[in-house]
Amino acid sequence: MSKLKLLQDSTAADKAWMTEVRNVFGERDAGMARFHGRATGEPGTRLRELYDCYVKARDAYEAQ
């Protein structure tokens, strides 16, 4: 897979995750939740599913 495709996948996963973070924490607190480690969600939640997808895509990009 090309580095560009991996970057696009990572960016899309980040956007999807952050949309859910904003839904859960609100627009005002979303950034702080992300950077303070509170935006990972509980196992079995949509937030956790999107977080896990983001981490997988980010790690694939960084491995290239």
C-alpha atoms as a PDB file:
ATOM      1  CA  MET A   1       0.000   0.000   0.000  1.00  0.00           C
ATOM      2  CA  SER A   2       1.335   3.450  -0.839  1.00  0.00           C
ATOM      3  CA  LYS A   3       2.376   5.925   1.818  1.00  0.00           C
ATOM      4  CA  LEU A   4      -0.197   8.378   0.436  1.00  0.00           C
ATOM      5  CA  LYS A   5      -3.016   5.835   0.804  1.00  0.00           C
ATOM      6  CA  LEU A   6      -1.920   5.064   4.352  1.00  0.00           C
ATOM      7  CA  LEU A   7      -1.923   8.781   5.174  1.00  0.00           C
ATOM      8  CA  GLN A   8      -5.391   9.189   3.667  1.00  0.00           C
ATOM      9  CA  ASP A   9      -6.677   6.219   5.683  1.00  0.00           C
ATOM     10  CA  SER A  10      -5.125   7.593   8.868  1.00  0.00           C
ATOM     11  CA  THR A  11      -6.600  11.043   8.260  1.00  0.00           C
ATOM     12  CA  ALA A  12     -10.058   9.619   7.580  1.00  0.00           C
ATOM     13  CA  ALA A  13      -9.928   7.458  10.712  1.00  0.00           C
ATOM     14  CA  ASP A  14      -8.809  10.463  12.786  1.00  0.00           C
ATOM     15  CA  LYS A  15     -11.704  12.563  11.468  1.00  0.00           C
ATOM     16  CA  ALA A  16     -14.259   9.824  12.179  1.00  0.00           C
ATOM     17  CA  TRP A  17     -12.912   9.308  15.699  1.00  0.00           C
ATOM     18  CA  MET A  18     -12.868  13.035  16.461  1.00  0.00           C
ATOM     19  CA  THR A  19     -16.443  13.412  15.224  1.00  0.00           C
ATOM     20  CA  GLU A  20     -17.479  10.843  17.817  1.00  0.00           C
ATOM     21  CA  VAL A  21     -15.284  12.490  20.473  1.00  0.00           C
ATOM     22  CA  ARG A  22     -17.160  15.759  19.840  1.00  0.00           C
ATOM     23  CA  ASN A  23     -20.490  13.897  20.056  1.00  0.00           C
ATOM     24  CA  VAL A  24     -19.542  12.371  23.409  1.00  0.00           C
ATOM     25  CA  PHE A  25     -17.640  15.244  25.067  1.00  0.00           C
ATOM     26  CA  GLY A  26     -19.049  18.261  23.273  1.00  0.00           C
ATOM     27  CA  GLU A  27     -17.271  20.659  20.965  1.00  0.00           C
ATOM     28  CA  ARG A  28     -15.721  22.620  23.817  1.00  0.00           C
ATOM     29  CA  ASP A  29     -14.120  19.657  25.623  1.00  0.00           C
ATOM     30  CA  ALA A  30     -13.257  17.361  22.699  1.00  0.00           C
ATOM     31  CA  GLY A  31      -9.670  18.546  22.249  1.00  0.00           C
ATOM     32  CA  MET A  32      -8.867  18.286  25.937  1.00  0.00           C
ATOM     33  CA  ALA A  33     -10.432  14.820  26.112  1.00  0.00           C
ATOM     34  CA  ARG A  34      -8.269  13.680  23.213  1.00  0.00           C
ATOM     35  CA  PHE A  35      -4.989  14.981  24.538  1.00  0.00           C
ATOM     36  CA  HIS A  36      -5.604  13.963  28.130  1.00  0.00           C
ATOM     37  CA  GLY A  37      -6.340  10.350  27.157  1.00  0.00           C
ATOM     38  CA  ARG A  38     -10.046  10.394  28.029  1.00  0.00           C
ATOM     39  CA  ALA A  39     -11.261  10.039  24.430  1.00  0.00           C
ATOM     40  CA  THR A  40     -10.490   6.359  24.006  1.00  0.00           C
ATOM     41  CA  GLY A  41     -13.905   5.130  25.140  1.00  0.00           C
ATOM     42  CA  GLU A  42     -14.901   2.046  27.061  1.00  0.00           C
ATOM     43  CA  PRO A  43     -14.591  -1.397  25.446  1.00  0.00           C
ATOM     44  CA  GLY A  44     -17.648  -2.143  23.324  1.00  0.00           C
ATOM     45  CA  THR A  45     -18.523   1.502  22.658  1.00  0.00           C
ATOM     46  CA  ARG A  46     -18.562   3.243  19.297  1.00  0.00           C
ATOM     47  CA  LEU A  47     -15.938   5.635  20.628  1.00  0.00           C
ATOM     48  CA  ARG A  48     -13.554   2.747  21.385  1.00  0.00           C
ATOM     49  CA  GLU A  49     -14.214   1.158  17.994  1.00  0.00           C
ATOM     50  CA  LEU A  50     -13.317   4.386  16.190  1.00  0.00           C
ATOM     51  CA  TYR A  51     -10.312   4.976  18.440  1.00  0.00           C
ATOM     52  CA  ASP A  52      -8.983   1.480  17.711  1.00  0.00           C
ATOM     53  CA  CYS A  53      -9.439   2.053  13.959  1.00  0.00           C
ATOM     54  CA  TYR A  54      -7.571   5.347  14.237  1.00  0.00           C
ATOM     55  CA  VAL A  55      -4.664   3.768  16.145  1.00  0.00           C
ATOM     56  CA  LYS A  56      -4.397   0.933  13.640  1.00  0.00           C
ATOM     57  CA  ALA A  57      -4.385   3.336  10.665  1.00  0.00           C
ATOM     58  CA  ARG A  58      -1.937   5.714  12.358  1.00  0.00           C
ATOM     59  CA  ASP A  59       0.443   2.895  13.240  1.00  0.00           C
ATOM     60  CA  ALA A  60       0.313   1.503   9.685  1.00  0.00           C
ATOM     61  CA  TYR A  61       1.220   4.928   8.318  1.00  0.00           C
ATOM     62  CA  GLU A  62       4.034   5.466  10.816  1.00  0.00           C
ATOM     63  CA  ALA A  63       5.466   2.008  10.085  1.00  0.00           C
ATOM     64  CA  GLN A  64       6.184   3.014   6.474  1.00  0.00           C
END
